[in-house]
Amino acid sequence: MRRGMNKRPPFENRWTSGRKAWRWHQELEALGVENVRLRLALLDAPAPVAFPDPDIPPGFIRDWLSYCDRKVRNDAARWRVAVVLAAALAAAAATLAGWPVIVRAL
């Protein structure tokens, strides 16, 4: 059995499962978030720009975009936490390094 057969998209979807969902996920990833967002907005236009696979339902695309937006927000939150922890650690180290000087000054 090939490894790719058990792949699932990394988000909940109610549209399909298995290889088809994974293929759709890969096709959307290849297009990129902004390109997919633009194509989804143009679906109702008089001359819509088609997706590589015309069978991808708009609901699946919206779920994928929501997943991408959540991923970006979570990554930003992780970076903020890492920066705050590094700053707190640096402040604590500076305080501990300067503690003998502070005690002598009192």
N, C-alpha and C. Protein backbone atom coordinates (compact mmCIF):
# COMPACT_ATOMS: atom_id res chain seq x y z
N MET A 1 0.84 -1.18 0.00
CA MET A 1 0.00 0.00 0.00
C MET A 1 0.88 1.24 0.00
N ARG A 2 0.59 2.19 -0.85
CA ARG A 2 1.38 3.41 -0.93
C ARG A 2 1.07 4.32 0.26
N ARG A 3 2.05 5.12 0.62
CA ARG A 3 1.89 6.00 1.77
C ARG A 3 0.89 7.12 1.49
N GLY A 4 0.82 7.60 0.28
CA GLY A 4 -0.04 8.72 -0.06
C GLY A 4 -1.52 8.41 0.00
N MET A 5 -1.88 7.14 0.05
CA MET A 5 -3.30 6.78 0.02
C MET A 5 -4.01 7.13 1.32
N ASN A 6 -3.30 7.21 2.43
CA ASN A 6 -3.91 7.49 3.72
C ASN A 6 -3.87 8.97 4.08
N LYS A 7 -3.40 9.80 3.20
CA LYS A 7 -3.28 11.23 3.49
C LYS A 7 -4.67 11.85 3.61
N ARG A 8 -4.77 12.74 4.58
CA ARG A 8 -5.99 13.52 4.76
C ARG A 8 -5.60 14.98 4.85
N PRO A 9 -6.46 15.87 4.43
CA PRO A 9 -6.12 17.28 4.59
C PRO A 9 -6.04 17.61 6.08
N PRO A 10 -5.23 18.60 6.46
CA PRO A 10 -5.03 18.89 7.88
C PRO A 10 -6.14 19.73 8.50
N PHE A 11 -7.31 19.69 7.92
CA PHE A 11 -8.44 20.44 8.48
C PHE A 11 -9.71 19.61 8.30
N GLU A 12 -10.71 19.94 9.10
CA GLU A 12 -12.00 19.25 9.00
C GLU A 12 -12.71 19.70 7.73
N ASN A 13 -13.26 18.75 7.01
CA ASN A 13 -14.08 19.11 5.86
C ASN A 13 -15.21 18.10 5.73
N ARG A 14 -16.33 18.58 5.24
CA ARG A 14 -17.51 17.72 5.12
C ARG A 14 -17.84 17.42 3.66
N TRP A 15 -16.88 17.70 2.79
CA TRP A 15 -17.15 17.60 1.36
C TRP A 15 -16.74 16.26 0.78
N THR A 16 -15.61 15.76 1.19
CA THR A 16 -15.14 14.47 0.71
C THR A 16 -14.03 14.00 1.64
N SER A 17 -13.52 12.83 1.39
CA SER A 17 -12.44 12.33 2.23
C SER A 17 -11.47 11.54 1.36
N GLY A 18 -10.40 11.10 1.97
CA GLY A 18 -9.46 10.24 1.27
C GLY A 18 -8.60 10.96 0.27
N ARG A 19 -8.28 10.23 -0.80
CA ARG A 19 -7.34 10.76 -1.79
C ARG A 19 -7.86 11.99 -2.50
N LYS A 20 -9.16 12.05 -2.74
CA LYS A 20 -9.71 13.20 -3.45
C LYS A 20 -9.52 14.48 -2.63
N ALA A 21 -9.80 14.40 -1.33
CA ALA A 21 -9.62 15.58 -0.47
C ALA A 21 -8.15 15.98 -0.41
N TRP A 22 -7.27 14.98 -0.33
CA TRP A 22 -5.84 15.29 -0.27
C TRP A 22 -5.38 15.93 -1.59
N ARG A 23 -5.88 15.43 -2.70
CA ARG A 23 -5.52 16.00 -4.01
C ARG A 23 -6.01 17.45 -4.11
N TRP A 24 -7.25 17.69 -3.69
CA TRP A 24 -7.77 19.05 -3.71
C TRP A 24 -6.91 19.97 -2.83
N HIS A 25 -6.57 19.47 -1.65
CA HIS A 25 -5.74 20.25 -0.72
C HIS A 25 -4.40 20.61 -1.38
N GLN A 26 -3.77 19.66 -2.04
CA GLN A 26 -2.49 19.90 -2.70
C GLN A 26 -2.63 20.90 -3.85
N GLU A 27 -3.73 20.80 -4.58
CA GLU A 27 -3.93 21.73 -5.69
C GLU A 27 -4.12 23.16 -5.18
N LEU A 28 -4.86 23.30 -4.09
CA LEU A 28 -5.05 24.63 -3.52
C LEU A 28 -3.74 25.17 -2.94
N GLU A 29 -2.97 24.30 -2.29
CA GLU A 29 -1.66 24.71 -1.76
C GLU A 29 -0.75 25.19 -2.89
N ALA A 30 -0.80 24.49 -4.02
CA ALA A 30 0.05 24.87 -5.16
C ALA A 30 -0.35 26.24 -5.72
N LEU A 31 -1.63 26.57 -5.67
CA LEU A 31 -2.08 27.87 -6.16
C LEU A 31 -1.69 29.00 -5.22
N GLY A 32 -1.71 28.74 -3.93
CA GLY A 32 -1.41 29.78 -2.94
C GLY A 32 -2.69 30.42 -2.43
N VAL A 33 -2.62 30.92 -1.22
CA VAL A 33 -3.81 31.45 -0.53
C VAL A 33 -4.42 32.63 -1.28
N GLU A 34 -3.61 33.60 -1.65
CA GLU A 34 -4.16 34.81 -2.29
C GLU A 34 -4.77 34.50 -3.65
N ASN A 35 -4.13 33.62 -4.41
CA ASN A 35 -4.67 33.23 -5.71
C ASN A 35 -6.00 32.50 -5.55
N VAL A 36 -6.07 31.60 -4.56
CA VAL A 36 -7.31 30.86 -4.31
C VAL A 36 -8.40 31.82 -3.87
N ARG A 37 -8.06 32.77 -3.00
CA ARG A 37 -9.04 33.74 -2.52
C ARG A 37 -9.59 34.56 -3.69
N LEU A 38 -8.71 34.97 -4.59
CA LEU A 38 -9.13 35.75 -5.75
C LEU A 38 -10.02 34.92 -6.68
N ARG A 39 -9.62 33.68 -6.94
CA ARG A 39 -10.42 32.83 -7.83
C ARG A 39 -11.79 32.53 -7.22
N LEU A 40 -11.84 32.35 -5.90
CA LEU A 40 -13.12 32.10 -5.25
C LEU A 40 -14.03 33.33 -5.37
N ALA A 41 -13.45 34.51 -5.23
CA ALA A 41 -14.23 35.74 -5.36
C ALA A 41 -14.77 35.91 -6.78
N LEU A 42 -14.04 35.38 -7.76
CA LEU A 42 -14.44 35.53 -9.16
C LEU A 42 -15.32 34.39 -9.67
N LEU A 43 -15.69 33.45 -8.80
CA LEU A 43 -16.51 32.32 -9.27
C LEU A 43 -17.85 32.77 -9.83
N ASP A 44 -18.42 33.84 -9.26
CA ASP A 44 -19.73 34.31 -9.72
C ASP A 44 -19.62 35.37 -10.81
N ALA A 45 -18.42 35.67 -11.25
CA ALA A 45 -18.21 36.68 -12.29
C ALA A 45 -18.68 36.13 -13.64
N PRO A 46 -18.94 37.02 -14.59
CA PRO A 46 -19.37 36.57 -15.91
C PRO A 46 -18.35 35.64 -16.59
N ALA A 47 -17.07 35.88 -16.35
CA ALA A 47 -16.02 35.02 -16.92
C ALA A 47 -15.13 34.53 -15.77
N PRO A 48 -15.60 33.53 -15.01
CA PRO A 48 -14.83 33.09 -13.84
C PRO A 48 -13.51 32.44 -14.21
N VAL A 49 -12.54 32.58 -13.33
CA VAL A 49 -11.25 31.92 -13.48
C VAL A 49 -11.39 30.55 -12.81
N ALA A 50 -11.19 29.51 -13.59
CA ALA A 50 -11.43 28.16 -13.08
C ALA A 50 -10.30 27.67 -12.19
N PHE A 51 -10.64 26.76 -11.30
CA PHE A 51 -9.64 26.07 -10.49
C PHE A 51 -9.09 24.91 -11.31
N PRO A 52 -7.91 24.38 -10.96
CA PRO A 52 -7.33 23.28 -11.74
C PRO A 52 -8.28 22.08 -11.82
N ASP A 53 -8.99 21.81 -10.74
CA ASP A 53 -9.96 20.72 -10.74
C ASP A 53 -11.35 21.34 -10.59
N PRO A 54 -12.17 21.30 -11.61
CA PRO A 54 -13.48 21.95 -11.53
C PRO A 54 -14.43 21.27 -10.55
N ASP A 55 -14.07 20.09 -10.04
CA ASP A 55 -14.94 19.39 -9.10
C ASP A 55 -14.78 19.88 -7.66
N ILE A 56 -13.82 20.74 -7.39
CA ILE A 56 -13.62 21.23 -6.02
C ILE A 56 -14.80 22.12 -5.66
N PRO A 57 -15.58 21.74 -4.64
CA PRO A 57 -16.73 22.56 -4.27
C PRO A 57 -16.29 23.85 -3.56
N PRO A 58 -17.02 24.92 -3.74
CA PRO A 58 -16.68 26.19 -3.08
C PRO A 58 -16.62 26.05 -1.55
N GLY A 59 -17.44 25.19 -0.98
CA GLY A 59 -17.40 24.98 0.47
C GLY A 59 -16.08 24.42 0.94
N PHE A 60 -15.52 23.49 0.17
CA PHE A 60 -14.20 22.94 0.50
C PHE A 60 -13.15 24.04 0.43
N ILE A 61 -13.26 24.90 -0.57
CA ILE A 61 -12.30 25.99 -0.73
C ILE A 61 -12.40 26.95 0.45
N ARG A 62 -13.63 27.27 0.87
CA ARG A 62 -13.80 28.16 2.03
C ARG A 62 -13.22 27.53 3.29
N ASP A 63 -13.46 26.22 3.48
CA ASP A 63 -12.88 25.53 4.64
C ASP A 63 -11.36 25.58 4.59
N TRP A 64 -10.78 25.40 3.41
CA TRP A 64 -9.33 25.44 3.27
C TRP A 64 -8.79 26.84 3.58
N LEU A 65 -9.49 27.87 3.11
CA LEU A 65 -9.06 29.24 3.40
C LEU A 65 -9.16 29.54 4.88
N SER A 66 -10.20 29.06 5.54
CA SER A 66 -10.33 29.25 6.99
C SER A 66 -9.18 28.57 7.72
N TYR A 67 -8.82 27.38 7.28
CA TYR A 67 -7.70 26.66 7.87
C TYR A 67 -6.41 27.46 7.71
N CYS A 68 -6.18 28.00 6.51
CA CYS A 68 -4.96 28.78 6.26
C CYS A 68 -4.93 30.04 7.13
N ASP A 69 -6.08 30.70 7.28
CA ASP A 69 -6.14 31.90 8.12
C ASP A 69 -5.85 31.55 9.58
N ARG A 70 -6.41 30.44 10.07
CA ARG A 70 -6.13 30.01 11.45
C ARG A 70 -4.66 29.69 11.63
N LYS A 71 -4.06 29.04 10.62
CA LYS A 71 -2.65 28.67 10.70
C LYS A 71 -1.78 29.93 10.80
N VAL A 72 -2.09 30.96 10.04
CA VAL A 72 -1.33 32.21 10.07
C VAL A 72 -1.47 32.87 11.44
N ARG A 73 -2.72 32.91 11.97
CA ARG A 73 -2.92 33.52 13.30
C ARG A 73 -2.18 32.75 14.38
N ASN A 74 -2.21 31.42 14.32
CA ASN A 74 -1.52 30.61 15.33
C ASN A 74 -0.01 30.80 15.24
N ASP A 75 0.53 30.88 14.03
CA ASP A 75 1.97 31.09 13.87
C ASP A 75 2.38 32.45 14.45
N ALA A 76 1.55 33.47 14.20
CA ALA A 76 1.86 34.80 14.73
C ALA A 76 1.80 34.80 16.26
N ALA A 77 0.83 34.10 16.82
CA ALA A 77 0.73 34.03 18.28
C ALA A 77 1.94 33.30 18.87
N ARG A 78 2.38 32.24 18.21
CA ARG A 78 3.57 31.53 18.70
C ARG A 78 4.81 32.43 18.68
N TRP A 79 4.96 33.22 17.62
CA TRP A 79 6.09 34.14 17.55
C TRP A 79 6.03 35.18 18.66
N ARG A 80 4.82 35.71 18.91
CA ARG A 80 4.68 36.69 19.99
C ARG A 80 5.08 36.09 21.33
N VAL A 81 4.62 34.89 21.60
CA VAL A 81 4.96 34.22 22.86
C VAL A 81 6.46 34.00 22.95
N ALA A 82 7.08 33.57 21.87
CA ALA A 82 8.53 33.33 21.88
C ALA A 82 9.30 34.62 22.14
N VAL A 83 8.88 35.73 21.54
CA VAL A 83 9.56 37.01 21.74
C VAL A 83 9.39 37.49 23.18
N VAL A 84 8.18 37.37 23.73
CA VAL A 84 7.94 37.79 25.11
C VAL A 84 8.76 36.94 26.07
N LEU A 85 8.81 35.63 25.84
CA LEU A 85 9.61 34.77 26.72
C LEU A 85 11.10 35.11 26.63
N ALA A 86 11.59 35.36 25.43
CA ALA A 86 13.00 35.73 25.28
C ALA A 86 13.29 37.05 25.99
N ALA A 87 12.38 38.03 25.88
CA ALA A 87 12.57 39.31 26.55
C ALA A 87 12.54 39.15 28.06
N ALA A 88 11.62 38.32 28.56
CA ALA A 88 11.55 38.08 30.00
C ALA A 88 12.80 37.39 30.50
N LEU A 89 13.29 36.43 29.74
CA LEU A 89 14.52 35.74 30.11
C LEU A 89 15.71 36.70 30.12
N ALA A 90 15.79 37.58 29.13
CA ALA A 90 16.87 38.57 29.07
C ALA A 90 16.78 39.54 30.24
N ALA A 91 15.57 39.97 30.59
CA ALA A 91 15.40 40.88 31.72
C ALA A 91 15.79 40.20 33.03
N ALA A 92 15.40 38.95 33.18
CA ALA A 92 15.77 38.21 34.40
C ALA A 92 17.28 38.01 34.47
N ALA A 93 17.92 37.70 33.36
CA ALA A 93 19.37 37.52 33.35
C ALA A 93 20.08 38.83 33.66
N ALA A 94 19.59 39.92 33.11
CA ALA A 94 20.21 41.22 33.39
C ALA A 94 20.05 41.59 34.86
N THR A 95 18.90 41.31 35.43
CA THR A 95 18.66 41.59 36.85
C THR A 95 19.57 40.75 37.73
N LEU A 96 19.69 39.46 37.41
CA LEU A 96 20.55 38.59 38.21
C LEU A 96 22.02 38.97 38.06
N ALA A 97 22.41 39.37 36.87
CA ALA A 97 23.81 39.76 36.65
C ALA A 97 24.13 41.06 37.39
N GLY A 98 23.18 41.94 37.48
CA GLY A 98 23.40 43.22 38.14
C GLY A 98 23.06 43.21 39.62
N TRP A 99 22.57 42.11 40.14
CA TRP A 99 22.14 42.05 41.53
C TRP A 99 23.24 42.44 42.52
N PRO A 100 24.49 41.94 42.38
CA PRO A 100 25.53 42.37 43.34
C PRO A 100 25.74 43.88 43.35
N VAL A 101 25.66 44.51 42.21
CA VAL A 101 25.83 45.96 42.11
C VAL A 101 24.68 46.67 42.80
N ILE A 102 23.47 46.17 42.62
CA ILE A 102 22.29 46.76 43.25
C ILE A 102 22.39 46.65 44.76
N VAL A 103 22.80 45.51 45.27
CA VAL A 103 22.90 45.28 46.71
C VAL A 103 23.96 46.19 47.32
N ARG A 104 25.10 46.39 46.65
CA ARG A 104 26.15 47.26 47.16
C ARG A 104 25.71 48.72 47.20
N ALA A 105 24.89 49.10 46.23
CA ALA A 105 24.44 50.49 46.16
C ALA A 105 23.48 50.83 47.29
N LEU A 106 22.80 49.82 47.80
CA LEU A 106 21.84 50.09 48.90
C LEU A 106 22.65 50.22 50.15
